[in-house]
Amino acid sequence: MAQGDPLGCAGAGGADGAGGQALLVATYIALAFLGYTIIMLPLSWWSAFVLPHRYGQSTQNRSGWATDEVKTTCLSLALAGFVGMLIYWLLGHLDDRWWIWASALLIVLASLWTSFSPSCSFRSSTS
């Protein structure tokens, strides 16, 4: 395995140069993400479309749900690709300490995501 080549692509007839390695990593990330999305699609359909309609909590039609699902997948894929490439960069540049910085990065990103995502607030009525 060549130095700076965590996936071992340089000597195996794989992608040449940093651009080729980045493309290879992005492809792996995209395939893994899309595979997971396809596997989870029935559960997503059930939890985000069937159940809300069963209990009268949604009036969204099937095409609207599908459009929202495609938008969510595209945005999530872009974010996962960026974070995955950043972790791959850390892996190639920080030797044995990459996992510490990757963990710190993921903790910060999870904290930011939690801070900015919509949340439900339940207020108790005390009358």
Protein backbone atom coordinates (compact mmCIF):
# COMPACT_ATOMS: atom_id res chain seq x y z
CA MET A 1 0.00 0.00 0.00
CA ALA A 2 1.44 3.36 -1.02
CA GLN A 3 1.78 6.12 1.55
CA GLY A 4 -1.21 8.46 1.48
CA ASP A 5 -3.30 5.69 -0.11
CA PRO A 6 -5.51 4.26 2.66
CA LEU A 7 -7.61 2.21 0.27
CA GLY A 8 -4.60 0.64 -1.45
CA CYS A 9 -5.57 1.79 -4.95
CA ALA A 10 -2.24 3.04 -6.25
CA GLY A 11 -0.50 -0.30 -6.65
CA ALA A 12 -3.55 -2.34 -7.64
CA GLY A 13 -4.28 -0.78 -10.99
CA GLY A 14 -6.88 1.44 -9.34
CA ALA A 15 -7.45 5.14 -9.64
CA ASP A 16 -4.32 7.24 -10.17
CA GLY A 17 -3.67 10.49 -8.33
CA ALA A 18 -5.63 12.32 -5.68
CA GLY A 19 -8.52 13.11 -8.01
CA GLY A 20 -8.99 9.46 -8.89
CA GLN A 21 -8.89 8.41 -5.25
CA ALA A 22 -11.42 11.09 -4.33
CA LEU A 23 -13.71 9.86 -7.10
CA LEU A 24 -13.33 6.29 -5.88
CA VAL A 25 -14.15 7.25 -2.28
CA ALA A 26 -17.12 9.36 -3.42
CA THR A 27 -18.38 6.40 -5.45
CA TYR A 28 -18.11 4.06 -2.45
CA ILE A 29 -19.93 6.54 -0.24
CA ALA A 30 -22.68 7.08 -2.82
CA LEU A 31 -23.20 3.35 -3.41
CA ALA A 32 -23.35 2.57 0.32
CA PHE A 33 -25.73 5.46 0.96
CA LEU A 34 -28.02 4.62 -1.94
CA GLY A 35 -28.02 0.94 -0.98
CA TYR A 36 -29.06 1.85 2.56
CA THR A 37 -31.74 4.21 1.23
CA ILE A 38 -33.19 1.52 -1.02
CA ILE A 39 -33.24 -1.02 1.81
CA MET A 40 -34.96 1.47 4.14
CA LEU A 41 -37.48 2.71 1.54
CA PRO A 42 -40.35 0.40 2.63
CA LEU A 43 -39.95 1.48 6.26
CA SER A 44 -39.82 5.11 5.20
CA TRP A 45 -42.99 4.66 3.12
CA TRP A 46 -44.78 3.02 6.04
CA SER A 47 -43.69 5.48 8.71
CA ALA A 48 -43.90 8.71 6.68
CA PHE A 49 -46.89 8.05 4.42
CA VAL A 50 -49.10 5.13 5.44
CA LEU A 51 -49.30 5.70 9.20
CA PRO A 52 -49.91 9.48 9.08
CA HIS A 53 -52.70 8.92 6.55
CA ARG A 54 -54.20 6.12 8.63
CA TYR A 55 -54.59 8.44 11.61
CA GLY A 56 -55.58 11.55 9.64
CA GLN A 57 -52.34 13.42 10.29
CA SER A 58 -51.40 13.99 6.64
CA THR A 59 -53.07 15.04 3.41
CA GLN A 60 -49.97 14.71 1.23
CA ASN A 61 -50.42 12.66 -1.95
CA ARG A 62 -48.07 9.92 -3.17
CA SER A 63 -46.27 12.10 -5.71
CA GLY A 64 -45.64 14.77 -3.06
CA TRP A 65 -44.21 12.15 -0.71
CA ALA A 66 -42.00 10.74 -3.48
CA THR A 67 -40.77 14.23 -4.40
CA ASP A 68 -39.91 14.97 -0.77
CA GLU A 69 -38.13 11.62 -0.49
CA VAL A 70 -36.01 12.33 -3.58
CA LYS A 71 -35.11 15.81 -2.28
CA THR A 72 -34.18 14.38 1.11
CA THR A 73 -32.06 11.67 -0.49
CA CYS A 74 -30.18 14.16 -2.69
CA LEU A 75 -29.45 16.54 0.18
CA SER A 76 -28.43 13.70 2.49
CA LEU A 77 -26.20 12.20 -0.20
CA ALA A 78 -24.42 15.53 -0.68
CA LEU A 79 -23.90 15.93 3.08
CA ALA A 80 -22.76 12.31 3.52
CA GLY A 81 -20.38 12.69 0.58
CA PHE A 82 -18.84 15.83 2.03
CA VAL A 83 -18.41 14.33 5.51
CA GLY A 84 -17.11 11.06 4.08
CA MET A 85 -14.54 12.85 1.94
CA LEU A 86 -13.47 14.92 4.94
CA ILE A 87 -12.98 11.79 7.03
CA TYR A 88 -11.07 10.18 4.15
CA TRP A 89 -8.82 13.24 4.01
CA LEU A 90 -8.21 12.96 7.76
CA LEU A 91 -7.38 9.28 7.30
CA GLY A 92 -4.73 10.09 4.70
CA HIS A 93 -3.15 13.06 6.46
CA LEU A 94 -3.16 12.36 10.21
CA ASP A 95 -1.65 8.85 10.46
CA ASP A 96 -2.68 7.14 13.70
CA ARG A 97 -4.65 10.08 15.12
CA TRP A 98 -7.21 10.39 12.32
CA TRP A 99 -9.96 8.68 14.30
CA ILE A 100 -9.72 11.19 17.16
CA TRP A 101 -10.24 14.13 14.81
CA ALA A 102 -12.93 12.27 12.85
CA SER A 103 -14.79 11.56 16.10
CA ALA A 104 -14.51 15.19 17.15
CA LEU A 105 -15.79 16.29 13.74
CA LEU A 106 -18.77 13.95 13.93
CA ILE A 107 -19.61 15.08 17.46
CA VAL A 108 -19.55 18.73 16.37
CA LEU A 109 -21.63 18.01 13.24
CA ALA A 110 -24.17 15.98 15.24
CA SER A 111 -24.44 18.80 17.80
CA LEU A 112 -24.97 21.38 15.06
CA TRP A 113 -27.48 19.16 13.27
CA THR A 114 -29.44 18.70 16.51
CA SER A 115 -29.35 22.42 17.23
CA PHE A 116 -30.66 23.47 13.83
CA SER A 117 -33.13 20.68 13.09
CA PRO A 118 -36.81 21.22 13.81
CA SER A 119 -37.93 19.95 17.17
CA CYS A 120 -41.23 19.37 18.83
CA SER A 121 -41.97 21.19 22.01
CA PHE A 122 -44.58 19.73 24.27
CA ARG A 123 -46.17 22.15 26.64
CA SER A 124 -48.18 20.91 29.52
CA SER A 125 -51.37 22.76 30.16
CA THR A 126 -51.66 23.54 33.82
CA SER A 127 -54.95 25.23 34.40
